[in-house]
Amino acid sequence: MDFICEAFDQMQRAFDLNGFNDHQLHCVLRFDSGAAPDAAILRRAVIASIEAIPILGTRYADGAKPRWVRLDPESCARGFVVAPTETDFEAVLVARADEDCGPQVRVCLFDGRRSAVALTLNHMICDAAGFKSYIYFLCAIYTRLLTDPVYRPNPVAGDRSMRPVLERFPLSVKLKSLFLQSGDNNQSGDRRFPMSEGEVDEPFILTRRLARARTAAIRDYGRAHGATLNDLALTALYRCLFRLLELRPGAELMIPVMVDMRRYLADGDEFTALTNLSSTVVTKLRREPAEALLRTLGRVKAEMDEKKGGDIGLNAFVKLDLLYRLCGDRIANRKLRTGLKNPLICMTNIGVLDAARLSFGDLSPTDAYLCGSIKYKPYFQLAMSSYQDELTLSVNLYGSLSDRALILSFLEDIDAELPRETPSAHAPERA
């Protein structure tokens, strides 16, 4: 049985073909010394998850009507590997999967001084929210196999299209979004994060983890001012980029942010399909001279509140749906390749990894983070995810050693820019 390639599947492939990113999602789970999931059971859990989610056990087939073609069962075993060393583990983590070969997910176990599991999944199959659902699903299978060796999970093969979201809106709202929100996406911007040229580039993932007390202080500060953690991270990113790019007062910077369109679906945690239901919305901010953090936060919050009040993210769904409906796959893909404008700088908040669902039997990670695709130059993205009340900032890039050094310094600057405690009513704000 083959599966059709949905519009967002094909857009993710266009991102790679256009040199934006390698369209792979990444997750790392680390365990205390001496603790690790059982390799044999984890391997069986991975294979069982691929059997239950058939689109994972496929290869991509291009053509006038691109599709996902089922693999033979033996090939699905390639979805699990064991890394003998930490170096091998890191290499597997950043290596892109071959969608033309499959399967579309890979789980790597490293059982060493500090054991770890790395998961990568083709972004053509699903977005970060879907990836989280898959990870929880895999953990549940592993846990069940500990006591029931013949257990097989129920199939997960629901609707992967945009229809569940689009059907929530009447035609009038879709038309309004189409014509009045055209600037909310498909913009590249003109400000570039500084990167090296002419040096040897390798893929890497750089992270900065903020401890529980530090993360709590940031959340408390946001609550005190009616702002979200996302608002604060975006504020810190703007302020750090204003300085790094040496923007003059009054100059404008654009940062698109990701929007999970599941916000428009009915509540419920049932895992029914792996799909892409993420959109983007463009935020813009001018640099104000000697502006305090709280003032910048207020402007960012006002920008985001306005977006959230107007069917945020819908415009991209309407445009993409119309493109494929009216033009067909071949022409739509050609138009997508030539007309797609990827943002030079962007941000994504992947959200919370649920510790209650992220366990292998009684074994839970002590540290975990999830991040998106590895960007190609000149593109830059800041990602954030949380686990056990600790925030992890991450940047992925095909870059050089000097790029690594600059990005590590930049992550340190963002950390320093974020508030460290809830200010009193009379405490001065830094500029």
Protein backbone atom coordinates (compact mmCIF):
# COMPACT_ATOMS: atom_id res chain seq x y z
CA MET A 1 0.00 0.00 0.00
CA ASP A 2 1.35 3.39 -1.04
CA PHE A 3 0.57 6.77 0.55
CA ILE A 4 0.18 10.08 -1.23
CA CYS A 5 2.54 12.93 -0.45
CA GLU A 6 0.58 15.71 1.22
CA ALA A 7 1.22 19.35 0.42
CA PHE A 8 3.31 19.95 3.54
CA ASP A 9 5.36 16.80 2.86
CA GLN A 10 6.34 18.27 -0.47
CA MET A 11 7.01 21.71 0.98
CA GLN A 12 9.48 20.19 3.44
CA ARG A 13 11.27 18.52 0.54
CA ALA A 14 11.38 21.89 -1.24
CA PHE A 15 13.11 23.34 1.83
CA ASP A 16 15.96 20.90 1.31
CA LEU A 17 16.11 21.29 -2.47
CA ASN A 18 16.18 25.08 -2.07
CA GLY A 19 19.07 24.89 0.41
CA PHE A 20 17.10 25.94 3.50
CA ASN A 21 17.46 22.89 5.77
CA ASP A 22 17.89 19.11 5.76
CA HIS A 23 14.28 18.52 6.93
CA GLN A 24 15.16 16.17 9.80
CA LEU A 25 13.80 16.41 13.35
CA HIS A 26 16.09 15.52 16.26
CA CYS A 27 15.60 14.45 19.88
CA VAL A 28 18.17 13.44 22.50
CA LEU A 29 17.38 11.61 25.74
CA ARG A 30 20.22 11.15 28.27
CA PHE A 31 20.25 8.86 31.28
CA ASP A 32 22.18 8.59 34.53
CA SER A 33 25.34 6.52 34.56
CA GLY A 34 24.64 2.81 34.51
CA ALA A 35 21.06 3.20 33.26
CA ALA A 36 19.95 2.57 29.71
CA PRO A 37 16.99 1.09 27.83
CA ASP A 38 17.43 -2.57 26.92
CA ALA A 39 18.75 -2.71 23.34
CA ALA A 40 16.80 -5.80 22.29
CA ILE A 41 13.50 -4.52 23.62
CA LEU A 42 14.07 -1.04 22.19
CA ARG A 43 14.77 -2.58 18.79
CA ARG A 44 11.51 -4.52 18.95
CA ALA A 45 9.66 -1.38 20.03
CA VAL A 46 11.03 0.58 17.08
CA ILE A 47 10.01 -2.12 14.60
CA ALA A 48 6.57 -2.39 16.23
CA SER A 49 6.12 1.39 15.99
CA ILE A 50 6.95 1.32 12.27
CA GLU A 51 4.50 -1.54 11.73
CA ALA A 52 1.79 0.43 13.57
CA ILE A 53 2.52 3.68 11.68
CA PRO A 54 2.89 2.38 8.11
CA ILE A 55 4.09 5.65 6.58
CA LEU A 56 7.28 5.37 8.63
CA GLY A 57 8.12 2.13 6.85
CA THR A 58 8.26 3.71 3.40
CA ARG A 59 10.60 5.27 0.88
CA TYR A 60 9.94 8.44 -1.07
CA ALA A 61 9.16 8.07 -4.79
CA ASP A 62 9.28 11.23 -6.90
CA GLY A 63 7.19 11.78 -10.02
CA ALA A 64 4.14 13.57 -11.35
CA LYS A 65 2.30 12.41 -8.23
CA PRO A 66 4.94 11.89 -5.50
CA ARG A 67 4.15 9.12 -3.06
CA TRP A 68 5.43 7.04 -0.18
CA VAL A 69 6.09 3.41 -1.16
CA ARG A 70 5.96 0.62 1.43
CA LEU A 71 9.17 -1.20 2.28
CA ASP A 72 9.51 -4.91 2.90
CA PRO A 73 9.36 -5.74 6.65
CA GLU A 74 13.05 -6.66 6.85
CA SER A 75 14.05 -3.15 5.76
CA CYS A 76 12.28 -1.60 8.73
CA ALA A 77 14.98 -3.03 11.01
CA ARG A 78 17.27 -0.27 9.68
CA GLY A 79 15.28 2.09 11.92
CA PHE A 80 17.31 0.99 14.96
CA VAL A 81 21.08 1.25 15.38
CA VAL A 82 23.54 0.96 18.28
CA ALA A 83 26.42 3.45 18.57
CA PRO A 84 29.58 1.93 20.08
CA THR A 85 31.03 5.30 21.11
CA GLU A 86 29.85 8.80 21.97
CA THR A 87 31.49 10.05 18.76
CA ASP A 88 29.47 7.56 16.71
CA PHE A 89 26.34 8.58 18.60
CA GLU A 90 26.86 12.25 17.77
CA ALA A 91 27.51 11.37 14.13
CA VAL A 92 24.22 9.44 13.90
CA LEU A 93 22.37 12.31 15.58
CA VAL A 94 23.30 14.84 12.89
CA ALA A 95 23.29 12.45 9.90
CA ARG A 96 20.32 12.97 7.63
CA ALA A 97 18.14 10.02 6.73
CA ASP A 98 17.75 9.04 3.09
CA GLU A 99 14.03 9.36 2.35
CA ASP A 100 14.55 7.63 -0.99
CA CYS A 101 15.66 4.52 0.93
CA GLY A 102 13.71 4.58 4.21
CA PRO A 103 12.55 3.94 6.82
CA GLN A 104 11.71 7.51 7.76
CA VAL A 105 12.65 7.23 11.44
CA ARG A 106 15.88 6.20 13.12
CA VAL A 107 16.53 5.44 16.79
CA CYS A 108 20.10 5.19 18.03
CA LEU A 109 21.14 3.77 21.42
CA PHE A 110 24.43 4.57 23.10
CA ASP A 111 25.06 2.50 26.24
CA GLY A 112 28.13 4.11 27.72
CA ARG A 113 29.34 6.15 30.67
CA ARG A 114 26.25 8.29 30.32
CA SER A 115 23.80 6.40 28.13
CA ALA A 116 21.59 8.14 25.60
CA VAL A 117 18.98 7.64 22.91
CA ALA A 118 18.89 9.79 19.78
CA LEU A 119 15.83 9.92 17.55
CA THR A 120 15.64 11.45 14.09
CA LEU A 121 12.51 11.59 11.96
CA ASN A 122 11.97 12.95 8.47
CA HIS A 123 10.24 16.34 8.71
CA MET A 124 8.36 15.47 5.51
CA ILE A 125 6.40 12.95 7.60
CA CYS A 126 5.51 15.18 10.54
CA ASP A 127 6.29 18.35 12.46
CA ALA A 128 7.73 18.67 15.97
CA ALA A 129 4.37 18.18 17.69
CA GLY A 130 3.88 14.96 15.74
CA PHE A 131 7.42 13.92 16.59
CA LYS A 132 6.67 14.29 20.29
CA SER A 133 3.59 12.09 19.87
CA TYR A 134 5.72 9.46 18.15
CA ILE A 135 8.30 9.49 20.95
CA TYR A 136 5.59 9.00 23.58
CA PHE A 137 4.13 6.19 21.44
CA LEU A 138 7.53 4.46 21.24
CA CYS A 139 8.01 4.76 25.00
CA ALA A 140 4.57 3.26 25.62
CA ILE A 141 5.34 0.32 23.32
CA TYR A 142 8.68 -0.33 25.05
CA THR A 143 7.02 -0.23 28.47
CA ARG A 144 4.29 -2.65 27.40
CA LEU A 145 6.81 -5.05 25.84
CA LEU A 146 8.57 -5.37 29.21
CA THR A 147 5.60 -7.33 30.54
CA ASP A 148 3.95 -8.53 27.32
CA PRO A 149 6.55 -9.69 24.78
CA VAL A 150 3.94 -10.35 22.07
CA TYR A 151 2.26 -6.93 22.38
CA ARG A 152 1.49 -5.05 19.16
CA PRO A 153 0.07 -1.51 19.26
CA ASN A 154 -3.05 -0.44 17.43
CA PRO A 155 -2.48 1.09 13.95
CA VAL A 156 -1.98 4.84 13.62
CA ALA A 157 -3.01 5.80 10.09
CA GLY A 158 -5.38 8.76 10.25
CA ASP A 159 -5.81 11.78 7.97
CA ARG A 160 -2.43 13.41 7.26
CA SER A 161 -3.79 16.31 5.19
CA MET A 162 -4.55 19.92 6.13
CA ARG A 163 -8.28 19.25 5.87
CA PRO A 164 -8.96 18.80 9.61
CA VAL A 165 -7.71 22.36 10.18
CA LEU A 166 -9.16 24.01 7.08
CA GLU A 167 -12.59 22.49 7.69
CA ARG A 168 -12.79 24.46 10.92
CA PHE A 169 -13.05 27.76 9.05
CA PRO A 170 -15.88 29.09 6.88
CA LEU A 171 -15.07 30.29 3.37
CA SER A 172 -15.39 33.93 4.40
CA VAL A 173 -12.66 33.57 7.03
CA LYS A 174 -10.36 31.75 4.60
CA LEU A 175 -10.79 34.51 1.99
CA LYS A 176 -10.16 37.19 4.58
CA SER A 177 -6.99 35.42 5.65
CA LEU A 178 -5.88 34.97 2.04
CA PHE A 179 -6.10 38.67 1.21
CA LEU A 180 -5.43 40.40 4.51
CA GLN A 181 -2.67 38.21 5.95
CA SER A 182 -0.50 37.79 2.86
CA GLY A 183 2.52 39.29 4.66
CA ASP A 184 2.38 36.78 7.50
CA ASN A 185 4.62 34.25 5.74
CA ASN A 186 6.83 33.52 2.72
CA GLN A 187 9.23 36.36 3.45
CA SER A 188 12.99 36.03 3.62
CA GLY A 189 13.95 39.34 5.23
CA ASP A 190 17.19 41.20 4.57
CA ARG A 191 19.13 40.75 7.83
CA ARG A 192 21.60 37.87 8.01
CA PHE A 193 23.16 36.20 11.00
CA PRO A 194 26.94 36.57 10.50
CA MET A 195 28.52 33.32 9.33
CA SER A 196 31.89 32.26 7.98
CA GLU A 197 32.69 31.88 4.29
CA GLY A 198 35.16 29.53 2.65
CA GLU A 199 35.69 27.30 5.69
CA VAL A 200 34.95 23.61 6.13
CA ASP A 201 31.31 23.13 7.14
CA GLU A 202 29.97 20.17 9.14
CA PRO A 203 26.52 19.62 10.67
CA PHE A 204 26.21 20.36 14.38
CA ILE A 205 23.62 20.90 17.11
CA LEU A 206 24.54 23.35 19.86
CA THR A 207 22.51 23.63 23.05
CA ARG A 208 22.37 25.72 26.20
CA ARG A 209 20.32 24.32 29.07
CA LEU A 210 18.84 26.64 31.68
CA ALA A 211 18.48 25.01 35.09
CA ARG A 212 15.10 24.64 36.80
CA ALA A 213 15.47 27.66 39.10
CA ARG A 214 16.63 29.81 36.20
CA THR A 215 13.72 28.71 34.01
CA ALA A 216 11.27 29.30 36.87
CA ALA A 217 12.55 32.86 37.29
CA ILE A 218 11.95 33.54 33.59
CA ARG A 219 8.42 32.13 33.75
CA ASP A 220 7.66 34.15 36.91
CA TYR A 221 8.86 37.32 35.25
CA GLY A 222 6.63 36.63 32.27
CA ARG A 223 3.58 35.93 34.44
CA ALA A 224 4.18 39.15 36.37
CA HIS A 225 3.89 41.05 33.10
CA GLY A 226 1.24 38.96 31.35
CA ALA A 227 3.76 37.46 28.92
CA THR A 228 4.53 33.90 27.86
CA LEU A 229 7.88 32.13 27.85
CA ASN A 230 7.71 32.38 24.05
CA ASP A 231 7.26 36.17 24.28
CA LEU A 232 10.34 36.44 26.50
CA ALA A 233 12.51 34.23 24.30
CA LEU A 234 11.51 36.22 21.22
CA THR A 235 12.24 39.45 23.07
CA ALA A 236 15.70 38.25 24.07
CA LEU A 237 16.38 37.11 20.51
CA TYR A 238 15.40 40.50 19.10
CA ARG A 239 17.53 42.41 21.60
CA CYS A 240 20.60 40.22 21.05
CA LEU A 241 20.25 40.44 17.27
CA PHE A 242 19.84 44.23 17.42
CA ARG A 243 23.28 44.37 19.04
CA LEU A 244 24.96 41.60 17.03
CA LEU A 245 23.80 43.02 13.69
CA GLU A 246 24.53 46.58 14.87
CA LEU A 247 21.18 47.86 13.68
CA ARG A 248 20.75 51.61 13.86
CA PRO A 249 17.86 53.06 15.91
CA GLY A 250 14.64 52.86 13.91
CA ALA A 251 15.86 49.96 11.76
CA GLU A 252 13.41 47.05 11.49
CA LEU A 253 14.11 43.35 11.99
CA MET A 254 11.80 40.51 10.94
CA ILE A 255 11.65 37.17 12.77
CA PRO A 256 9.09 34.54 11.69
CA VAL A 257 7.90 32.16 14.41
CA MET A 258 6.28 28.74 14.12
CA VAL A 259 2.58 28.17 14.86
CA ASP A 260 1.12 24.76 15.74
CA MET A 261 -2.20 24.70 13.89
CA ARG A 262 -3.51 21.98 16.19
CA ARG A 263 -4.66 24.93 18.28
CA TYR A 264 -7.76 24.96 16.05
CA LEU A 265 -8.59 21.28 16.46
CA ALA A 266 -10.77 19.69 19.11
CA ASP A 267 -9.07 18.92 22.39
CA GLY A 268 -7.82 15.41 22.95
CA ASP A 269 -4.56 13.51 23.28
CA GLU A 270 -5.45 10.59 21.03
CA PHE A 271 -2.63 9.84 18.61
CA THR A 272 -4.29 9.31 15.23
CA ALA A 273 -1.81 10.44 12.57
CA LEU A 274 1.73 11.61 11.88
CA THR A 275 1.43 14.82 9.90
CA ASN A 276 2.66 18.37 9.39
CA LEU A 277 0.26 20.89 10.88
CA SER A 278 2.67 23.77 11.50
CA SER A 279 2.53 27.20 9.96
CA THR A 280 4.50 30.43 10.37
CA VAL A 281 3.72 34.02 11.20
CA VAL A 282 6.06 36.97 10.66
CA THR A 283 6.86 39.32 13.54
CA LYS A 284 8.57 42.68 13.01
CA LEU A 285 10.18 45.06 15.45
CA ARG A 286 12.07 48.34 15.18
CA ARG A 287 15.14 48.97 17.27
CA GLU A 288 14.54 51.65 19.87
CA PRO A 289 17.63 53.33 21.38
CA ALA A 290 18.48 52.48 25.01
CA GLU A 291 15.25 50.55 25.46
CA ALA A 292 14.71 48.58 28.67
CA LEU A 293 13.89 44.89 28.51
CA LEU A 294 10.35 45.40 29.81
CA ARG A 295 9.61 47.95 27.09
CA THR A 296 10.83 45.56 24.37
CA LEU A 297 8.80 42.76 25.91
CA GLY A 298 5.70 44.95 25.82
CA ARG A 299 6.14 45.61 22.10
CA VAL A 300 6.77 41.92 21.32
CA LYS A 301 3.75 40.87 23.38
CA ALA A 302 1.55 43.42 21.60
CA GLU A 303 2.74 42.09 18.23
CA MET A 304 2.05 38.48 19.19
CA ASP A 305 -1.31 39.28 20.80
CA GLU A 306 -2.43 40.96 17.59
CA LYS A 307 -1.39 37.93 15.53
CA LYS A 308 -3.13 35.51 17.90
CA GLY A 309 -6.32 37.54 17.64
CA GLY A 310 -6.57 37.07 13.88
CA ASP A 311 -6.61 33.37 12.94
CA ILE A 312 -2.86 33.13 13.30
CA GLY A 313 -1.13 30.84 10.79
CA LEU A 314 -4.19 30.28 8.58
CA ASN A 315 -2.90 32.21 5.58
CA ALA A 316 -0.13 29.71 4.79
CA PHE A 317 -2.57 26.78 4.96
CA VAL A 318 -5.05 28.46 2.61
CA LYS A 319 -2.39 29.42 0.06
CA LEU A 320 -0.73 26.01 0.04
CA ASP A 321 -4.06 24.19 -0.23
CA LEU A 322 -5.12 26.38 -3.16
CA LEU A 323 -1.79 25.94 -4.92
CA TYR A 324 -2.01 22.13 -4.96
CA ARG A 325 -5.73 21.99 -5.65
CA LEU A 326 -5.56 24.35 -8.64
CA CYS A 327 -2.20 23.38 -10.14
CA GLY A 328 -1.66 19.72 -9.32
CA ASP A 329 1.49 18.31 -7.76
CA ARG A 330 3.97 18.73 -10.62
CA ILE A 331 3.21 22.40 -11.35
CA ALA A 332 2.68 23.21 -7.67
CA ASN A 333 6.08 21.79 -6.78
CA ARG A 334 7.71 23.80 -9.55
CA LYS A 335 6.01 26.99 -8.37
CA LEU A 336 6.92 26.19 -4.79
CA ARG A 337 10.60 25.77 -5.70
CA THR A 338 10.73 29.12 -7.51
CA GLY A 339 8.42 31.15 -5.27
CA LEU A 340 9.33 29.91 -1.79
CA LYS A 341 11.11 32.54 0.30
CA ASN A 342 12.79 31.08 3.35
CA PRO A 343 13.40 33.34 6.37
CA LEU A 344 17.04 34.17 6.99
CA ILE A 345 16.43 34.29 10.75
CA CYS A 346 13.56 32.52 12.55
CA MET A 347 12.50 31.01 15.87
CA THR A 348 10.51 27.96 16.94
CA ASN A 349 9.14 26.95 20.32
CA ILE A 350 8.71 23.19 20.34
CA GLY A 351 7.19 23.25 23.81
CA VAL A 352 7.24 20.84 26.72
CA LEU A 353 8.41 17.24 26.64
CA ASP A 354 6.05 15.46 29.04
CA ALA A 355 8.18 13.64 31.63
CA ALA A 356 5.23 11.43 32.62
CA ARG A 357 5.05 10.00 29.09
CA LEU A 358 8.78 10.02 28.32
CA SER A 359 9.88 6.87 30.11
CA PHE A 360 11.02 3.36 29.23
CA GLY A 361 9.36 1.30 31.92
CA ASP A 362 10.65 2.76 35.19
CA LEU A 363 13.59 4.40 33.43
CA SER A 364 13.24 8.13 32.70
CA PRO A 365 15.76 10.47 31.07
CA THR A 366 17.55 12.91 33.33
CA ASP A 367 17.90 15.35 30.44
CA ALA A 368 16.01 15.67 27.16
CA TYR A 369 15.60 18.15 24.33
CA LEU A 370 13.97 18.25 20.91
CA CYS A 371 14.99 20.46 18.01
CA GLY A 372 14.24 20.90 14.33
CA SER A 373 16.12 20.66 11.07
CA ILE A 374 19.76 21.54 10.56
CA LYS A 375 19.96 24.77 8.58
CA TYR A 376 22.17 25.46 5.60
CA LYS A 377 23.96 28.80 5.36
CA PRO A 378 22.92 31.61 5.42
CA TYR A 379 19.83 30.51 7.38
CA PHE A 380 19.63 30.62 11.19
CA GLN A 381 17.01 29.35 13.65
CA LEU A 382 16.75 29.45 17.42
CA ALA A 383 14.73 26.56 18.87
CA MET A 384 13.55 25.95 22.41
CA SER A 385 12.07 22.97 24.27
CA SER A 386 11.46 22.19 27.94
CA TYR A 387 11.82 19.04 30.02
CA GLN A 388 11.25 18.72 33.77
CA ASP A 389 10.96 22.52 34.05
CA GLU A 390 14.34 23.12 32.41
CA LEU A 391 14.55 25.12 29.19
CA THR A 392 16.97 24.13 26.42
CA LEU A 393 17.94 26.60 23.71
CA SER A 394 19.39 25.11 20.53
CA VAL A 395 20.79 26.13 17.16
CA ASN A 396 21.46 23.65 14.32
CA LEU A 397 23.70 24.49 11.38
CA TYR A 398 25.97 23.15 8.67
CA GLY A 399 28.82 25.41 9.74
CA SER A 400 32.48 25.80 10.57
CA LEU A 401 34.43 25.87 13.83
CA SER A 402 34.22 29.66 13.88
CA ASP A 403 30.45 29.46 13.37
CA ARG A 404 30.24 27.13 16.37
CA ALA A 405 32.16 29.57 18.54
CA LEU A 406 29.99 32.52 17.51
CA ILE A 407 26.73 30.63 18.05
CA LEU A 408 27.81 29.36 21.48
CA SER A 409 28.58 32.95 22.43
CA PHE A 410 25.22 34.07 21.03
CA LEU A 411 23.33 31.44 23.08
CA GLU A 412 25.19 32.72 26.14
CA ASP A 413 24.07 36.27 25.27
CA ILE A 414 20.42 35.16 25.02
CA ASP A 415 20.71 33.47 28.40
CA ALA A 416 22.14 36.67 29.87
CA GLU A 417 19.39 38.76 28.26
CA LEU A 418 16.58 36.71 29.78
CA PRO A 419 15.45 37.95 33.23
CA ARG A 420 16.91 36.26 36.28
CA GLU A 421 14.27 37.21 38.81
CA THR A 422 10.87 38.85 39.02
CA PRO A 423 11.60 42.57 39.47
CA SER A 424 10.02 44.54 42.28
CA ALA A 425 7.72 47.40 41.38
CA HIS A 426 10.55 49.92 41.81
CA ALA A 427 13.50 47.94 40.47
CA PRO A 428 15.21 49.55 37.47
CA GLU A 429 15.14 47.72 34.13
CA ARG A 430 18.36 47.27 32.18
CA ALA A 431 18.63 48.80 28.71
